[in-house]
């Protein structure tokens, strides 16, 4: 799938009319580590999250992504798509793994 084909452009500076490509909706990455995290105060339970290494604007970054759903078969070194979606009850987790694409099965 080519998610970056229809990537819109953002106007950065109005006076100079500078345009920059917007961030792609889905970013491909490799899982480095799987872990569980407890949510903030009124909620309870263990949430499954993973550290994903992504290539973003020519720079490698490590981001934390939540794994939605009840069961998953993800392991280290699996390729996944992540998208920006903040989770309110998990601090520092700002991405979500896209299920049903690459190695992230339903």
PDB file of N, CA and C in Angstrom:
ATOM      1  N   UNK A   1       0.840  -1.174   0.000  1.00  0.00           N
ATOM      2  CA  UNK A   1       0.000   0.000   0.000  1.00  0.00           C
ATOM      3  C   UNK A   1       0.889   1.243   0.000  1.00  0.00           C
ATOM      4  N   UNK A   2       0.491   2.223  -0.756  1.00  0.00           N
ATOM      5  CA  UNK A   2       1.256   3.455  -0.818  1.00  0.00           C
ATOM      6  C   UNK A   2       0.456   4.554  -0.132  1.00  0.00           C
ATOM      7  N   UNK A   3       0.680   4.707   1.175  1.00  0.00           N
ATOM      8  CA  UNK A   3      -0.071   5.690   1.941  1.00  0.00           C
ATOM      9  C   UNK A   3       0.453   7.100   1.712  1.00  0.00           C
ATOM     10  N   UNK A   4       1.706   7.254   1.280  1.00  0.00           N
ATOM     11  CA  UNK A   4       2.307   8.572   1.149  1.00  0.00           C
ATOM     12  C   UNK A   4       2.013   9.218  -0.209  1.00  0.00           C
ATOM     13  N   UNK A   5       1.285   8.531  -1.077  1.00  0.00           N
ATOM     14  CA  UNK A   5       1.027   9.057  -2.419  1.00  0.00           C
ATOM     15  C   UNK A   5       0.145  10.299  -2.364  1.00  0.00           C
ATOM     16  N   UNK A   6      -0.891  10.281  -1.522  1.00  0.00           N
ATOM     17  CA  UNK A   6      -1.826  11.397  -1.444  1.00  0.00           C
ATOM     18  C   UNK A   6      -1.547  12.261  -0.222  1.00  0.00           C
ATOM     19  N   UNK A   7      -0.285  12.514   0.047  1.00  0.00           N
ATOM     20  CA  UNK A   7       0.100  13.291   1.215  1.00  0.00           C
ATOM     21  C   UNK A   7      -0.139  14.774   0.953  1.00  0.00           C
ATOM     22  N   UNK A   8      -0.993  15.444   1.751  1.00  0.00           N
ATOM     23  CA  UNK A   8      -1.257  16.860   1.509  1.00  0.00           C
ATOM     24  C   UNK A   8      -0.063  17.724   1.893  1.00  0.00           C
ATOM     25  N   UNK A   9      -0.108  18.994   1.510  1.00  0.00           N
ATOM     26  CA  UNK A   9       0.967  19.913   1.839  1.00  0.00           C
ATOM     27  C   UNK A   9       0.427  20.985   2.788  1.00  0.00           C
ATOM     28  N   UNK A  10       1.265  21.384   3.744  1.00  0.00           N
ATOM     29  CA  UNK A  10       0.875  22.395   4.710  1.00  0.00           C
ATOM     30  C   UNK A  10       1.572  23.701   4.412  1.00  0.00           C
ATOM     31  N   UNK A  11       0.864  24.804   4.630  1.00  0.00           N
ATOM     32  CA  UNK A  11       1.443  26.130   4.492  1.00  0.00           C
ATOM     33  C   UNK A  11       2.151  26.471   5.796  1.00  0.00           C
ATOM     34  N   UNK A  12       3.460  26.633   5.744  1.00  0.00           N
ATOM     35  CA  UNK A  12       4.240  26.859   6.953  1.00  0.00           C
ATOM     36  C   UNK A  12       4.335  28.348   7.273  1.00  0.00           C
ATOM     37  N   UNK A  13       4.726  29.148   6.294  1.00  0.00           N
ATOM     38  CA  UNK A  13       4.922  30.569   6.511  1.00  0.00           C
ATOM     39  C   UNK A  13       4.051  31.322   5.503  1.00  0.00           C
ATOM     40  N   UNK A  14       3.087  32.116   5.996  1.00  0.00           N
ATOM     41  CA  UNK A  14       2.160  32.787   5.084  1.00  0.00           C
ATOM     42  C   UNK A  14       2.831  33.901   4.295  1.00  0.00           C
ATOM     43  N   UNK A  15       3.728  34.653   4.936  1.00  0.00           N
ATOM     44  CA  UNK A  15       4.360  35.770   4.238  1.00  0.00           C
ATOM     45  C   UNK A  15       5.251  35.289   3.098  1.00  0.00           C
ATOM     46  N   UNK A  16       6.054  34.288   3.371  1.00  0.00           N
ATOM     47  CA  UNK A  16       6.989  33.792   2.351  1.00  0.00           C
ATOM     48  C   UNK A  16       6.359  32.715   1.473  1.00  0.00           C
ATOM     49  N   UNK A  17       5.143  32.312   1.781  1.00  0.00           N
ATOM     50  CA  UNK A  17       4.423  31.274   1.033  1.00  0.00           C
ATOM     51  C   UNK A  17       5.255  29.996   0.939  1.00  0.00           C
ATOM     52  N   UNK A  18       5.728  29.528   2.083  1.00  0.00           N
ATOM     53  CA  UNK A  18       6.518  28.291   2.133  1.00  0.00           C
ATOM     54  C   UNK A  18       5.582  27.122   2.398  1.00  0.00           C
ATOM     55  N   UNK A  19       5.736  26.087   1.594  1.00  0.00           N
ATOM     56  CA  UNK A  19       4.927  24.876   1.740  1.00  0.00           C
ATOM     57  C   UNK A  19       5.831  23.734   2.134  1.00  0.00           C
ATOM     58  N   UNK A  20       5.331  22.878   2.996  1.00  0.00           N
ATOM     59  CA  UNK A  20       6.063  21.689   3.393  1.00  0.00           C
ATOM     60  C   UNK A  20       5.099  20.498   3.346  1.00  0.00           C
ATOM     61  N   UNK A  21       5.608  19.344   2.998  1.00  0.00           N
ATOM     62  CA  UNK A  21       4.753  18.157   2.954  1.00  0.00           C
ATOM     63  C   UNK A  21       4.270  17.817   4.351  1.00  0.00           C
ATOM     64  N   UNK A  22       2.989  17.500   4.459  1.00  0.00           N
ATOM     65  CA  UNK A  22       2.429  17.123   5.752  1.00  0.00           C
ATOM     66  C   UNK A  22       2.928  15.748   6.141  1.00  0.00           C
ATOM     67  N   UNK A  23       2.818  15.453   7.422  1.00  0.00           N
ATOM     68  CA  UNK A  23       3.244  14.138   7.895  1.00  0.00           C
ATOM     69  C   UNK A  23       2.318  13.077   7.318  1.00  0.00           C
ATOM     70  N   UNK A  24       2.866  11.948   6.890  1.00  0.00           N
ATOM     71  CA  UNK A  24       1.988  10.889   6.393  1.00  0.00           C
ATOM     72  C   UNK A  24       1.129  10.329   7.523  1.00  0.00           C
ATOM     73  N   UNK A  25      -0.048   9.866   7.163  1.00  0.00           N
ATOM     74  CA  UNK A  25      -0.968   9.380   8.190  1.00  0.00           C
ATOM     75  C   UNK A  25      -0.445   8.104   8.836  1.00  0.00           C
ATOM     76  N   UNK A  26       0.093   7.195   8.036  1.00  0.00           N
ATOM     77  CA  UNK A  26       0.620   5.945   8.548  1.00  0.00           C
ATOM     78  C   UNK A  26       2.131   5.931   8.360  1.00  0.00           C
ATOM     79  N   UNK A  27       2.848   5.544   9.408  1.00  0.00           N
ATOM     80  CA  UNK A  27       4.296   5.480   9.359  1.00  0.00           C
ATOM     81  C   UNK A  27       4.695   4.035   9.639  1.00  0.00           C
ATOM     82  N   UNK A  28       5.569   3.493   8.799  1.00  0.00           N
ATOM     83  CA  UNK A  28       6.004   2.106   8.977  1.00  0.00           C
ATOM     84  C   UNK A  28       7.171   2.069   9.950  1.00  0.00           C
ATOM     85  N   UNK A  29       7.167   1.071  10.826  1.00  0.00           N
ATOM     86  CA  UNK A  29       8.229   0.937  11.809  1.00  0.00           C
ATOM     87  C   UNK A  29       8.450  -0.505  12.200  1.00  0.00           C
ATOM     88  N   UNK A  30       9.463  -0.713  13.045  1.00  0.00           N
ATOM     89  CA  UNK A  30       9.830  -2.046  13.524  1.00  0.00           C
ATOM     90  C   UNK A  30       9.711  -2.053  15.036  1.00  0.00           C
ATOM     91  N   UNK A  31       9.094  -3.095  15.580  1.00  0.00           N
ATOM     92  CA  UNK A  31       8.905  -3.194  17.025  1.00  0.00           C
ATOM     93  C   UNK A  31      10.242  -3.539  17.680  1.00  0.00           C
ATOM     94  N   UNK A  32      10.595  -2.755  18.691  1.00  0.00           N
ATOM     95  CA  UNK A  32      11.833  -3.004  19.435  1.00  0.00           C
ATOM     96  C   UNK A  32      11.551  -3.774  20.719  1.00  0.00           C
ATOM     97  N   UNK A  33      10.485  -3.384  21.423  1.00  0.00           N
ATOM     98  CA  UNK A  33      10.198  -3.996  22.715  1.00  0.00           C
ATOM     99  C   UNK A  33       8.700  -3.969  22.981  1.00  0.00           C
ATOM    100  N   UNK A  34       8.177  -5.009  23.602  1.00  0.00           N
ATOM    101  CA  UNK A  34       6.774  -5.081  24.010  1.00  0.00           C
ATOM    102  C   UNK A  34       6.704  -4.955  25.523  1.00  0.00           C
ATOM    103  N   UNK A  35       5.695  -4.218  26.014  1.00  0.00           N
ATOM    104  CA  UNK A  35       5.565  -4.039  27.456  1.00  0.00           C
ATOM    105  C   UNK A  35       4.115  -3.743  27.811  1.00  0.00           C
ATOM    106  N   UNK A  36       3.820  -3.743  29.090  1.00  0.00           N
ATOM    107  CA  UNK A  36       2.494  -3.353  29.578  1.00  0.00           C
ATOM    108  C   UNK A  36       2.665  -2.135  30.471  1.00  0.00           C
ATOM    109  N   UNK A  37       1.611  -1.320  30.528  1.00  0.00           N
ATOM    110  CA  UNK A  37       1.674  -0.087  31.292  1.00  0.00           C
ATOM    111  C   UNK A  37       0.331   0.102  31.983  1.00  0.00           C
ATOM    112  N   UNK A  38       0.343   0.620  33.196  1.00  0.00           N
ATOM    113  CA  UNK A  38      -0.909   0.906  33.906  1.00  0.00           C
ATOM    114  C   UNK A  38      -1.387   2.312  33.558  1.00  0.00           C
ATOM    115  N   UNK A  39      -2.706   2.502  33.379  1.00  0.00           N
ATOM    116  CA  UNK A  39      -3.225   3.834  33.037  1.00  0.00           C
ATOM    117  C   UNK A  39      -3.268   4.764  34.249  1.00  0.00           C
ATOM    118  N   UNK A  40      -3.666   6.015  33.991  1.00  0.00           N
ATOM    119  CA  UNK A  40      -3.747   7.015  35.045  1.00  0.00           C
ATOM    120  C   UNK A  40      -4.898   6.716  36.008  1.00  0.00           C
ATOM    121  N   UNK A  41      -5.024   7.528  37.031  1.00  0.00           N
ATOM    122  CA  UNK A  41      -5.732   7.238  38.269  1.00  0.00           C
ATOM    123  C   UNK A  41      -7.120   6.596  38.181  1.00  0.00           C
ATOM    124  N   UNK A  42      -8.142   7.160  37.583  1.00  0.00           N
ATOM    125  CA  UNK A  42      -9.449   6.514  37.765  1.00  0.00           C
ATOM    126  C   UNK A  42      -9.603   5.202  37.007  1.00  0.00           C
ATOM    127  N   UNK A  43      -8.739   4.931  36.023  1.00  0.00           N
ATOM    128  CA  UNK A  43      -8.845   3.707  35.231  1.00  0.00           C
ATOM    129  C   UNK A  43      -7.926   2.624  35.785  1.00  0.00           C
ATOM    130  N   UNK A  44      -8.218   1.385  35.424  1.00  0.00           N
ATOM    131  CA  UNK A  44      -7.395   0.282  35.906  1.00  0.00           C
ATOM    132  C   UNK A  44      -7.193  -0.724  34.777  1.00  0.00           C
ATOM    133  N   UNK A  45      -6.290  -1.646  34.982  1.00  0.00           N
ATOM    134  CA  UNK A  45      -5.989  -2.663  33.980  1.00  0.00           C
ATOM    135  C   UNK A  45      -4.604  -2.447  33.416  1.00  0.00           C
ATOM    136  N   UNK A  46      -4.117  -3.410  32.667  1.00  0.00           N
ATOM    137  CA  UNK A  46      -2.813  -3.307  32.027  1.00  0.00           C
ATOM    138  C   UNK A  46      -3.017  -3.081  30.540  1.00  0.00           C
ATOM    139  N   UNK A  47      -2.424  -2.035  30.015  1.00  0.00           N
ATOM    140  CA  UNK A  47      -2.516  -1.732  28.595  1.00  0.00           C
ATOM    141  C   UNK A  47      -1.255  -2.223  27.902  1.00  0.00           C
ATOM    142  N   UNK A  48      -1.441  -2.840  26.740  1.00  0.00           N
ATOM    143  CA  UNK A  48      -0.297  -3.357  25.982  1.00  0.00           C
ATOM    144  C   UNK A  48       0.251  -2.236  25.103  1.00  0.00           C
ATOM    145  N   UNK A  49       1.539  -1.940  25.251  1.00  0.00           N
ATOM    146  CA  UNK A  49       2.180  -0.935  24.412  1.00  0.00           C
ATOM    147  C   UNK A  49       3.487  -1.513  23.889  1.00  0.00           C
ATOM    148  N   UNK A  50       4.058  -0.849  22.903  1.00  0.00           N
ATOM    149  CA  UNK A  50       5.321  -1.309  22.334  1.00  0.00           C
ATOM    150  C   UNK A  50       6.167  -0.116  21.928  1.00  0.00           C
ATOM    151  N   UNK A  51       7.464  -0.315  21.934  1.00  0.00           N
ATOM    152  CA  UNK A  51       8.403   0.674  21.422  1.00  0.00           C
ATOM    153  C   UNK A  51       8.616   0.375  19.950  1.00  0.00           C
ATOM    154  N   UNK A  52       8.394   1.369  19.098  1.00  0.00           N
ATOM    155  CA  UNK A  52       8.498   1.189  17.653  1.00  0.00           C
ATOM    156  C   UNK A  52       9.549   2.160  17.128  1.00  0.00           C
ATOM    157  N   UNK A  53      10.468   1.649  16.333  1.00  0.00           N
ATOM    158  CA  UNK A  53      11.478   2.494  15.708  1.00  0.00           C
ATOM    159  C   UNK A  53      10.995   2.863  14.318  1.00  0.00           C
ATOM    160  N   UNK A  54      10.809   4.171  14.081  1.00  0.00           N
ATOM    161  CA  UNK A  54      10.281   4.652  12.801  1.00  0.00           C
ATOM    162  C   UNK A  54      11.298   5.577  12.151  1.00  0.00           C
ATOM    163  N   UNK A  55      11.223   5.649  10.820  1.00  0.00           N
ATOM    164  CA  UNK A  55      12.043   6.585  10.060  1.00  0.00           C
ATOM    165  C   UNK A  55      11.147   7.758   9.708  1.00  0.00           C
ATOM    166  N   UNK A  56      11.440   8.943  10.244  1.00  0.00           N
ATOM    167  CA  UNK A  56      10.540  10.080  10.135  1.00  0.00           C
ATOM    168  C   UNK A  56      11.334  11.299   9.714  1.00  0.00           C
ATOM    169  N   UNK A  57      11.054  11.814   8.516  1.00  0.00           N
ATOM    170  CA  UNK A  57      11.769  12.970   7.956  1.00  0.00           C
ATOM    171  C   UNK A  57      13.267  12.724   7.875  1.00  0.00           C
ATOM    172  N   UNK A  58      13.661  11.512   7.560  1.00  0.00           N
ATOM    173  CA  UNK A  58      15.078  11.181   7.438  1.00  0.00           C
ATOM    174  C   UNK A  58      15.777  10.951   8.757  1.00  0.00           C
ATOM    175  N   UNK A  59      15.034  10.953   9.866  1.00  0.00           N
ATOM    176  CA  UNK A  59      15.617  10.748  11.184  1.00  0.00           C
ATOM    177  C   UNK A  59      14.949   9.549  11.831  1.00  0.00           C
ATOM    178  N   UNK A  60      15.742   8.664  12.433  1.00  0.00           N
ATOM    179  CA  UNK A  60      15.163   7.511  13.130  1.00  0.00           C
ATOM    180  C   UNK A  60      14.732   7.942  14.518  1.00  0.00           C
ATOM    181  N   UNK A  61      13.469   7.650  14.851  1.00  0.00           N
ATOM    182  CA  UNK A  61      12.935   7.973  16.171  1.00  0.00           C
ATOM    183  C   UNK A  61      12.345   6.716  16.787  1.00  0.00           C
ATOM    184  N   UNK A  62      12.314   6.703  18.103  1.00  0.00           N
ATOM    185  CA  UNK A  62      11.667   5.622  18.831  1.00  0.00           C
ATOM    186  C   UNK A  62      10.423   6.185  19.492  1.00  0.00           C
ATOM    187  N   UNK A  63       9.250   5.623  19.152  1.00  0.00           N
ATOM    188  CA  UNK A  63       7.988   6.102  19.702  1.00  0.00           C
ATOM    189  C   UNK A  63       7.296   4.967  20.436  1.00  0.00           C
ATOM    190  N   UNK A  64       6.415   5.352  21.360  1.00  0.00           N
ATOM    191  CA  UNK A  64       5.609   4.356  22.069  1.00  0.00           C
ATOM    192  C   UNK A  64       4.245   4.308  21.416  1.00  0.00           C
ATOM    193  N   UNK A  65       3.769   3.095  21.140  1.00  0.00           N
ATOM    194  CA  UNK A  65       2.476   2.927  20.477  1.00  0.00           C
ATOM    195  C   UNK A  65       1.629   1.928  21.250  1.00  0.00           C
ATOM    196  N   UNK A  66       0.339   2.224  21.342  1.00  0.00           N
ATOM    197  CA  UNK A  66      -0.615   1.334  22.009  1.00  0.00           C
ATOM    198  C   UNK A  66      -1.069   0.271  21.029  1.00  0.00           C
ATOM    199  N   UNK A  67      -1.261  -0.949  21.528  1.00  0.00           N
ATOM    200  CA  UNK A  67      -1.762  -2.046  20.697  1.00  0.00           C
ATOM    201  C   UNK A  67      -3.243  -2.224  21.030  1.00  0.00           C
ATOM    202  N   UNK A  68      -4.154  -1.856  20.114  1.00  0.00           N
ATOM    203  CA  UNK A  68      -5.580  -1.968  20.432  1.00  0.00           C
ATOM    204  C   UNK A  68      -6.057  -3.413  20.353  1.00  0.00           C
ATOM    205  N   UNK A  69      -7.215  -3.666  20.937  1.00  0.00           N
ATOM    206  CA  UNK A  69      -7.809  -5.000  20.884  1.00  0.00           C
ATOM    207  C   UNK A  69      -7.409  -5.847  22.078  1.00  0.00           C
ATOM    208  N   UNK A  70      -8.000  -7.033  22.150  1.00  0.00           N
ATOM    209  CA  UNK A  70      -7.762  -7.889  23.309  1.00  0.00           C
ATOM    210  C   UNK A  70      -6.571  -8.811  23.119  1.00  0.00           C
ATOM    211  N   UNK A  71      -6.492  -9.481  21.989  1.00  0.00           N
ATOM    212  CA  UNK A  71      -5.383 -10.406  21.760  1.00  0.00           C
ATOM    213  C   UNK A  71      -4.521  -9.894  20.618  1.00  0.00           C
ATOM    214  N   UNK A  72      -3.213 -10.163  20.702  1.00  0.00           N
ATOM    215  CA  UNK A  72      -2.330  -9.832  19.599  1.00  0.00           C
ATOM    216  C   UNK A  72      -1.207 -10.852  19.532  1.00  0.00           C
ATOM    217  N   UNK A  73      -0.613 -10.978  18.350  1.00  0.00           N
ATOM    218  CA  UNK A  73       0.471 -11.931  18.141  1.00  0.00           C
ATOM    219  C   UNK A  73       1.762 -11.207  17.796  1.00  0.00           C
ATOM    220  N   UNK A  74       1.869  -9.946  18.216  1.00  0.00           N
ATOM    221  CA  UNK A  74       3.049  -9.167  17.865  1.00  0.00           C
ATOM    222  C   UNK A  74       4.267  -9.603  18.675  1.00  0.00           C
ATOM    223  N   UNK A  75       5.414  -9.592  18.018  1.00  0.00           N
ATOM    224  CA  UNK A  75       6.675  -9.938  18.662  1.00  0.00           C
ATOM    225  C   UNK A  75       7.727  -8.918  18.260  1.00  0.00           C
ATOM    226  N   UNK A  76       8.889  -9.065  18.856  1.00  0.00           N
ATOM    227  CA  UNK A  76       9.995  -8.178  18.521  1.00  0.00           C
ATOM    228  C   UNK A  76      10.391  -8.371  17.053  1.00  0.00           C
ATOM    229  N   UNK A  77      10.793  -7.296  16.397  1.00  0.00           N
ATOM    230  CA  UNK A  77      11.227  -7.253  14.996  1.00  0.00           C
ATOM    231  C   UNK A  77      10.083  -7.396  14.003  1.00  0.00           C
ATOM    232  N   UNK A  78       8.824  -7.328  14.430  1.00  0.00           N
ATOM    233  CA  UNK A  78       7.705  -7.316  13.493  1.00  0.00           C
ATOM    234  C   UNK A  78       7.567  -5.923  12.902  1.00  0.00           C
ATOM    235  N   UNK A  79       7.145  -5.868  11.637  1.00  0.00           N
ATOM    236  CA  UNK A  79       6.907  -4.595  10.955  1.00  0.00           C
ATOM    237  C   UNK A  79       5.451  -4.203  11.151  1.00  0.00           C
ATOM    238  N   UNK A  80       5.209  -2.948  11.543  1.00  0.00           N
ATOM    239  CA  UNK A  80       3.849  -2.466  11.777  1.00  0.00           C
ATOM    240  C   UNK A  80       3.711  -1.055  11.240  1.00  0.00           C
ATOM    241  N   UNK A  81       2.456  -0.640  11.008  1.00  0.00           N
ATOM    242  CA  UNK A  81       2.138   0.754  10.718  1.00  0.00           C
ATOM    243  C   UNK A  81       1.653   1.381  12.013  1.00  0.00           C
ATOM    244  N   UNK A  82       2.094   2.617  12.282  1.00  0.00           N
ATOM    245  CA  UNK A  82       1.584   3.368  13.423  1.00  0.00           C
ATOM    246  C   UNK A  82       0.992   4.669  12.902  1.00  0.00           C
ATOM    247  N   UNK A  83      -0.006   5.185  13.616  1.00  0.00           N
ATOM    248  CA  UNK A  83      -0.585   6.478  13.273  1.00  0.00           C
ATOM    249  C   UNK A  83      -0.717   7.305  14.548  1.00  0.00           C
ATOM    250  N   UNK A  84      -0.635   8.624  14.376  1.00  0.00           N
ATOM    251  CA  UNK A  84      -0.704   9.520  15.528  1.00  0.00           C
ATOM    252  C   UNK A  84      -2.123   9.530  16.072  1.00  0.00           C
ATOM    253  N   UNK A  85      -2.265   9.152  17.336  1.00  0.00           N
ATOM    254  CA  UNK A  85      -3.562   9.149  18.010  1.00  0.00           C
ATOM    255  C   UNK A  85      -3.275   9.115  19.499  1.00  0.00           C
ATOM    256  N   UNK A  86      -3.438  10.246  20.168  1.00  0.00           N
ATOM    257  CA  UNK A  86      -3.081  10.319  21.576  1.00  0.00           C
ATOM    258  C   UNK A  86      -4.057   9.544  22.438  1.00  0.00           C
ATOM    259  N   UNK A  87      -3.525   8.885  23.456  1.00  0.00           N
ATOM    260  CA  UNK A  87      -4.360   8.152  24.391  1.00  0.00           C
ATOM    261  C   UNK A  87      -4.332   8.907  25.719  1.00  0.00           C
ATOM    262  N   UNK A  88      -5.485   9.331  26.201  1.00  0.00           N
ATOM    263  CA  UNK A  88      -5.534  10.226  27.350  1.00  0.00           C
ATOM    264  C   UNK A  88      -5.051   9.573  28.640  1.00  0.00           C
ATOM    265  N   UNK A  89      -5.364   8.279  28.839  1.00  0.00           N
ATOM    266  CA  UNK A  89      -5.042   7.688  30.135  1.00  0.00           C
ATOM    267  C   UNK A  89      -3.668   7.016  30.162  1.00  0.00           C
ATOM    268  N   UNK A  90      -2.906   7.094  29.072  1.00  0.00           N
ATOM    269  CA  UNK A  90      -1.533   6.592  29.063  1.00  0.00           C
ATOM    270  C   UNK A  90      -0.585   7.733  28.718  1.00  0.00           C
ATOM    271  N   UNK A  91       0.087   8.304  29.710  1.00  0.00           N
ATOM    272  CA  UNK A  91       1.006   9.393  29.392  1.00  0.00           C
ATOM    273  C   UNK A  91       2.174   8.897  28.552  1.00  0.00           C
ATOM    274  N   UNK A  92       2.698   9.738  27.709  1.00  0.00           N
ATOM    275  CA  UNK A  92       3.838   9.494  26.805  1.00  0.00           C
ATOM    276  C   UNK A  92       3.527   8.532  25.668  1.00  0.00           C
ATOM    277  N   UNK A  93       2.296   8.026  25.561  1.00  0.00           N
ATOM    278  CA  UNK A  93       1.931   7.149  24.447  1.00  0.00           C
ATOM    279  C   UNK A  93       1.107   7.969  23.472  1.00  0.00           C
ATOM    280  N   UNK A  94       1.674   8.259  22.306  1.00  0.00           N
ATOM    281  CA  UNK A  94       1.017   9.157  21.359  1.00  0.00           C
ATOM    282  C   UNK A  94       0.715   8.508  20.023  1.00  0.00           C
ATOM    283  N   UNK A  95       0.963   7.230  19.869  1.00  0.00           N
ATOM    284  CA  UNK A  95       0.719   6.539  18.604  1.00  0.00           C
ATOM    285  C   UNK A  95      -0.064   5.267  18.861  1.00  0.00           C
ATOM    286  N   UNK A  96      -0.714   4.761  17.805  1.00  0.00           N
ATOM    287  CA  UNK A  96      -1.494   3.528  17.877  1.00  0.00           C
ATOM    288  C   UNK A  96      -1.068   2.629  16.723  1.00  0.00           C
ATOM    289  N   UNK A  97      -0.927   1.341  17.003  1.00  0.00           N
ATOM    290  CA  UNK A  97      -0.598   0.366  15.967  1.00  0.00           C
ATOM    291  C   UNK A  97      -1.842   0.112  15.127  1.00  0.00           C
ATOM    292  N   UNK A  98      -1.687   0.086  13.817  1.00  0.00           N
ATOM    293  CA  UNK A  98      -2.803  -0.168  12.902  1.00  0.00           C
ATOM    294  C   UNK A  98      -2.947  -1.676  12.754  1.00  0.00           C
ATOM    295  N   UNK A  99      -4.100  -2.205  13.180  1.00  0.00           N
ATOM    296  CA  UNK A  99      -4.326  -3.650  13.096  1.00  0.00           C
ATOM    297  C   UNK A  99      -4.778  -4.011  11.687  1.00  0.00           C
ATOM    298  N   UNK A 100      -4.385  -5.196  11.232  1.00  0.00           N
ATOM    299  CA  UNK A 100      -4.804  -5.693   9.933  1.00  0.00           C
ATOM    300  C   UNK A 100      -3.854  -5.342   8.805  1.00  0.00           C
ATOM    301  N   UNK A 101      -2.731  -4.692   9.092  1.00  0.00           N
ATOM    302  CA  UNK A 101      -1.751  -4.338   8.075  1.00  0.00           C
ATOM    303  C   UNK A 101      -0.390  -4.909   8.477  1.00  0.00           C
ATOM    304  N   UNK A 102       0.377  -5.361   7.479  1.00  0.00           N
ATOM    305  CA  UNK A 102       1.718  -5.920   7.690  1.00  0.00           C
ATOM    306  C   UNK A 102       1.649  -7.072   8.688  1.00  0.00           C
ATOM    307  N   UNK A 103       2.419  -7.010   9.775  1.00  0.00           N
ATOM    308  CA  UNK A 103       2.477  -8.140  10.725  1.00  0.00           C
ATOM    309  C   UNK A 103       1.457  -8.039  11.855  1.00  0.00           C
ATOM    310  N   UNK A 104       0.723  -6.947  11.944  1.00  0.00           N
ATOM    311  CA  UNK A 104      -0.280  -6.776  13.004  1.00  0.00           C
ATOM    312  C   UNK A 104      -1.614  -7.340  12.526  1.00  0.00           C
ATOM    313  N   UNK A 105      -1.915  -8.572  12.940  1.00  0.00           N
ATOM    314  CA  UNK A 105      -3.133  -9.227  12.489  1.00  0.00           C
ATOM    315  C   UNK A 105      -4.276  -8.906  13.430  1.00  0.00           C
ATOM    316  N   UNK A 106      -5.507  -9.181  12.951  1.00  0.00           N
ATOM    317  CA  UNK A 106      -6.675  -9.020  13.809  1.00  0.00           C
ATOM    318  C   UNK A 106      -6.741 -10.147  14.794  1.00  0.00           C
TER     319      UNK A 106
END
